[in-house]
Amino acid sequence: MPDPTQASHLSGTNNDWEYRQKSSTVWDLFSNSDDPNVKLEVNKYIWNATLDVLDFLPIQTVDPFSGLIVTGYGTPPGGGRAYRATVHITDPALDARSLKVSLESKGGAVSPDTVRAVEDAILTRARQLRIADSKL
């Protein structure tokens, strides 16, 4: 192992060399972190249920590490109004407080009752997925 103070091939400081020694692979993201400030967890049942329930909407952005799903406009089966959704899963618990849903239509705001109905559908599907998982 080269001595960082003697390494002439490094263009930066000793910190550059230390950084290279600490660098990791993408798979390290999935291992338990020793740093309590790093928390990258979302509930897999809510995540999958969201994708199931909102499968009629085109996905624009997904970030499973922060729990964010952003969709484009789409029309639900049997519906005439187009919606788009932003879903944020904030916690690894299978709990209503872990789910934040925001809906928008091309005409403007969506009623809170519609948002609540979508949240309920996602949570119901998440519970079904968890029950099916426990039977395996």
C-alpha atoms as a PDB file:
ATOM      1  CA  MET A   1       0.000   0.000   0.000  1.00  0.00           C
ATOM      2  CA  PRO A   2       1.508   3.352  -0.965  1.00  0.00           C
ATOM      3  CA  ASP A   3       2.317   5.932   1.642  1.00  0.00           C
ATOM      4  CA  PRO A   4      -0.106   8.834   1.111  1.00  0.00           C
ATOM      5  CA  THR A   5       2.496  11.407   2.086  1.00  0.00           C
ATOM      6  CA  GLN A   6       4.960  10.101  -0.510  1.00  0.00           C
ATOM      7  CA  ALA A   7       2.552   9.382  -3.350  1.00  0.00           C
ATOM      8  CA  SER A   8       3.576  11.716  -6.159  1.00  0.00           C
ATOM      9  CA  HIS A   9       0.878  10.346  -8.461  1.00  0.00           C
ATOM     10  CA  LEU A  10      -1.888  11.932  -6.403  1.00  0.00           C
ATOM     11  CA  SER A  11      -2.980  15.278  -7.729  1.00  0.00           C
ATOM     12  CA  GLY A  12      -4.600  16.390  -4.498  1.00  0.00           C
ATOM     13  CA  THR A  13      -4.004  16.163  -0.800  1.00  0.00           C
ATOM     14  CA  ASN A  14      -3.792  13.312   1.652  1.00  0.00           C
ATOM     15  CA  ASN A  15      -7.584  13.510   1.922  1.00  0.00           C
ATOM     16  CA  ASP A  16      -7.883  12.454  -1.734  1.00  0.00           C
ATOM     17  CA  TRP A  17      -5.914   9.312  -1.005  1.00  0.00           C
ATOM     18  CA  GLU A  18      -7.956   8.615   2.128  1.00  0.00           C
ATOM     19  CA  TYR A  19     -11.146   9.070   0.132  1.00  0.00           C
ATOM     20  CA  ARG A  20      -9.991   6.559  -2.450  1.00  0.00           C
ATOM     21  CA  GLN A  21      -9.228   4.095   0.311  1.00  0.00           C
ATOM     22  CA  LYS A  22     -12.727   4.544   1.775  1.00  0.00           C
ATOM     23  CA  SER A  23     -14.537   4.378  -1.566  1.00  0.00           C
ATOM     24  CA  SER A  24     -17.000   1.562  -1.939  1.00  0.00           C
ATOM     25  CA  THR A  25     -19.348  -0.049  -4.396  1.00  0.00           C
ATOM     26  CA  VAL A  26     -23.024   0.467  -5.038  1.00  0.00           C
ATOM     27  CA  TRP A  27     -23.745  -2.724  -3.071  1.00  0.00           C
ATOM     28  CA  ASP A  28     -22.542  -1.029   0.117  1.00  0.00           C
ATOM     29  CA  LEU A  29     -25.721   1.066   0.005  1.00  0.00           C
ATOM     30  CA  PHE A  30     -27.701  -2.026   0.920  1.00  0.00           C
ATOM     31  CA  SER A  31     -25.587  -2.995   3.909  1.00  0.00           C
ATOM     32  CA  ASN A  32     -26.168  -1.714   7.415  1.00  0.00           C
ATOM     33  CA  SER A  33     -24.438   1.570   7.982  1.00  0.00           C
ATOM     34  CA  ASP A  34     -22.451   2.283  11.111  1.00  0.00           C
ATOM     35  CA  ASP A  35     -23.326   5.955  10.748  1.00  0.00           C
ATOM     36  CA  PRO A  36     -26.557   6.709  12.659  1.00  0.00           C
ATOM     37  CA  ASN A  37     -27.073   9.832  10.517  1.00  0.00           C
ATOM     38  CA  VAL A  38     -27.513   7.762   7.360  1.00  0.00           C
ATOM     39  CA  LYS A  39     -31.011   6.379   7.007  1.00  0.00           C
ATOM     40  CA  LEU A  40     -32.101   5.038   3.664  1.00  0.00           C
ATOM     41  CA  GLU A  41     -35.139   2.935   4.452  1.00  0.00           C
ATOM     42  CA  VAL A  42     -38.644   2.807   3.043  1.00  0.00           C
ATOM     43  CA  ASN A  43     -41.390   0.274   3.580  1.00  0.00           C
ATOM     44  CA  LYS A  44     -41.213  -2.247   0.734  1.00  0.00           C
ATOM     45  CA  TYR A  45     -44.901  -3.099   0.994  1.00  0.00           C
ATOM     46  CA  ILE A  46     -46.008   0.522   0.671  1.00  0.00           C
ATOM     47  CA  TRP A  47     -43.493   1.017  -2.148  1.00  0.00           C
ATOM     48  CA  ASN A  48     -44.769  -1.963  -4.153  1.00  0.00           C
ATOM     49  CA  ALA A  49     -48.405  -1.183  -3.351  1.00  0.00           C
ATOM     50  CA  THR A  50     -47.953   2.359  -4.646  1.00  0.00           C
ATOM     51  CA  LEU A  51     -46.575   1.049  -7.921  1.00  0.00           C
ATOM     52  CA  ASP A  52     -49.471  -1.446  -8.142  1.00  0.00           C
ATOM     53  CA  VAL A  53     -52.249   1.030  -7.375  1.00  0.00           C
ATOM     54  CA  LEU A  54     -50.859   3.784  -9.598  1.00  0.00           C
ATOM     55  CA  ASP A  55     -49.809   1.483 -12.444  1.00  0.00           C
ATOM     56  CA  PHE A  56     -51.986   3.437 -14.910  1.00  0.00           C
ATOM     57  CA  LEU A  57     -49.764   6.507 -14.441  1.00  0.00           C
ATOM     58  CA  PRO A  58     -46.476   6.782 -16.359  1.00  0.00           C
ATOM     59  CA  ILE A  59     -43.492   6.795 -14.015  1.00  0.00           C
ATOM     60  CA  GLN A  60     -41.272   9.861 -14.366  1.00  0.00           C
ATOM     61  CA  THR A  61     -38.942   9.537 -11.391  1.00  0.00           C
ATOM     62  CA  VAL A  62     -38.373   6.925  -8.724  1.00  0.00           C
ATOM     63  CA  ASP A  63     -35.896   7.039  -5.878  1.00  0.00           C
ATOM     64  CA  PRO A  64     -36.191   3.980  -3.631  1.00  0.00           C
ATOM     65  CA  PHE A  65     -33.565   5.366  -1.258  1.00  0.00           C
ATOM     66  CA  SER A  66     -35.514   8.501  -0.379  1.00  0.00           C
ATOM     67  CA  GLY A  67     -38.930   6.918  -1.003  1.00  0.00           C
ATOM     68  CA  LEU A  68     -40.028   9.266  -3.781  1.00  0.00           C
ATOM     69  CA  ILE A  69     -42.235   8.298  -6.738  1.00  0.00           C
ATOM     70  CA  VAL A  70     -43.247  10.955  -9.274  1.00  0.00           C
ATOM     71  CA  THR A  71     -45.613  10.159 -12.134  1.00  0.00           C
ATOM     72  CA  GLY A  72     -46.822  11.903 -15.248  1.00  0.00           C
ATOM     73  CA  TYR A  73     -50.437  12.456 -16.209  1.00  0.00           C
ATOM     74  CA  GLY A  74     -52.623   9.430 -16.767  1.00  0.00           C
ATOM     75  CA  THR A  75     -56.308   8.563 -16.732  1.00  0.00           C
ATOM     76  CA  PRO A  76     -57.537   5.856 -14.356  1.00  0.00           C
ATOM     77  CA  PRO A  77     -59.488   2.940 -15.843  1.00  0.00           C
ATOM     78  CA  GLY A  78     -63.099   4.015 -16.251  1.00  0.00           C
ATOM     79  CA  GLY A  79     -62.269   7.635 -15.457  1.00  0.00           C
ATOM     80  CA  GLY A  80     -62.322  10.708 -17.622  1.00  0.00           C
ATOM     81  CA  ARG A  81     -60.018  12.990 -15.677  1.00  0.00           C
ATOM     82  CA  ALA A  82     -56.219  12.812 -15.948  1.00  0.00           C
ATOM     83  CA  TYR A  83     -54.134  12.898 -12.786  1.00  0.00           C
ATOM     84  CA  ARG A  84     -50.499  12.924 -11.826  1.00  0.00           C
ATOM     85  CA  ALA A  85     -49.115  11.895  -8.465  1.00  0.00           C
ATOM     86  CA  THR A  86     -46.167  12.483  -6.207  1.00  0.00           C
ATOM     87  CA  VAL A  87     -45.777   9.903  -3.459  1.00  0.00           C
ATOM     88  CA  HIS A  88     -43.295  10.134  -0.605  1.00  0.00           C
ATOM     89  CA  ILE A  89     -42.750   7.135   1.659  1.00  0.00           C
ATOM     90  CA  THR A  90     -41.068   8.544   4.735  1.00  0.00           C
ATOM     91  CA  ASP A  91     -40.608   5.633   7.104  1.00  0.00           C
ATOM     92  CA  PRO A  92     -39.968   1.878   7.093  1.00  0.00           C
ATOM     93  CA  ALA A  93     -43.125   1.265   9.168  1.00  0.00           C
ATOM     94  CA  LEU A  94     -46.298  -0.009   7.519  1.00  0.00           C
ATOM     95  CA  ASP A  95     -48.304   2.907   8.812  1.00  0.00           C
ATOM     96  CA  ALA A  96     -50.471   5.667   7.339  1.00  0.00           C
ATOM     97  CA  ARG A  97     -48.051   8.274   8.688  1.00  0.00           C
ATOM     98  CA  SER A  98     -45.344   6.789   6.450  1.00  0.00           C
ATOM     99  CA  LEU A  99     -47.247   7.703   3.278  1.00  0.00           C
ATOM    100  CA  LYS A 100     -47.668  11.166   1.756  1.00  0.00           C
ATOM    101  CA  VAL A 101     -49.667  11.368  -1.476  1.00  0.00           C
ATOM    102  CA  SER A 102     -50.112  14.483  -3.574  1.00  0.00           C
ATOM    103  CA  LEU A 103     -52.441  14.444  -6.591  1.00  0.00           C
ATOM    104  CA  GLU A 104     -52.905  17.040  -9.284  1.00  0.00           C
ATOM    105  CA  SER A 105     -55.195  17.181 -12.295  1.00  0.00           C
ATOM    106  CA  LYS A 106     -54.777  19.250 -15.423  1.00  0.00           C
ATOM    107  CA  GLY A 107     -57.664  21.368 -14.183  1.00  0.00           C
ATOM    108  CA  GLY A 108     -56.055  22.150 -10.845  1.00  0.00           C
ATOM    109  CA  ALA A 109     -56.432  20.840  -7.343  1.00  0.00           C
ATOM    110  CA  VAL A 110     -57.831  17.427  -6.490  1.00  0.00           C
ATOM    111  CA  SER A 111     -60.280  17.026  -3.631  1.00  0.00           C
ATOM    112  CA  PRO A 112     -58.882  15.781  -0.310  1.00  0.00           C
ATOM    113  CA  ASP A 113     -61.387  12.908  -0.454  1.00  0.00           C
ATOM    114  CA  THR A 114     -59.807  11.659  -3.688  1.00  0.00           C
ATOM    115  CA  VAL A 115     -56.312  11.870  -2.186  1.00  0.00           C
ATOM    116  CA  ARG A 116     -57.523  10.008   0.912  1.00  0.00           C
ATOM    117  CA  ALA A 117     -59.118   7.303  -1.261  1.00  0.00           C
ATOM    118  CA  VAL A 118     -55.820   6.776  -3.110  1.00  0.00           C
ATOM    119  CA  GLU A 119     -53.908   6.626   0.192  1.00  0.00           C
ATOM    120  CA  ASP A 120     -56.399   4.079   1.532  1.00  0.00           C
ATOM    121  CA  ALA A 121     -56.079   1.964  -1.619  1.00  0.00           C
ATOM    122  CA  ILE A 122     -52.271   1.991  -1.336  1.00  0.00           C
ATOM    123  CA  LEU A 123     -52.315   1.058   2.359  1.00  0.00           C
ATOM    124  CA  THR A 124     -54.884  -1.705   1.786  1.00  0.00           C
ATOM    125  CA  ARG A 125     -52.755  -3.161  -1.007  1.00  0.00           C
ATOM    126  CA  ALA A 126     -49.631  -2.893   1.184  1.00  0.00           C
ATOM    127  CA  ARG A 127     -51.342  -4.889   3.932  1.00  0.00           C
ATOM    128  CA  GLN A 128     -52.395  -7.518   1.387  1.00  0.00           C
ATOM    129  CA  LEU A 129     -48.793  -7.817   0.183  1.00  0.00           C
ATOM    130  CA  ARG A 130     -47.510  -8.194   3.747  1.00  0.00           C
ATOM    131  CA  ILE A 131     -50.076 -10.896   4.542  1.00  0.00           C
ATOM    132  CA  ALA A 132     -49.204 -12.756   1.337  1.00  0.00           C
ATOM    133  CA  ASP A 133     -45.510 -12.490   2.256  1.00  0.00           C
ATOM    134  CA  SER A 134     -46.078 -13.948   5.720  1.00  0.00           C
ATOM    135  CA  LYS A 135     -47.840 -17.006   4.258  1.00  0.00           C
ATOM    136  CA  LEU A 136     -44.738 -18.028   2.306  1.00  0.00           C
END
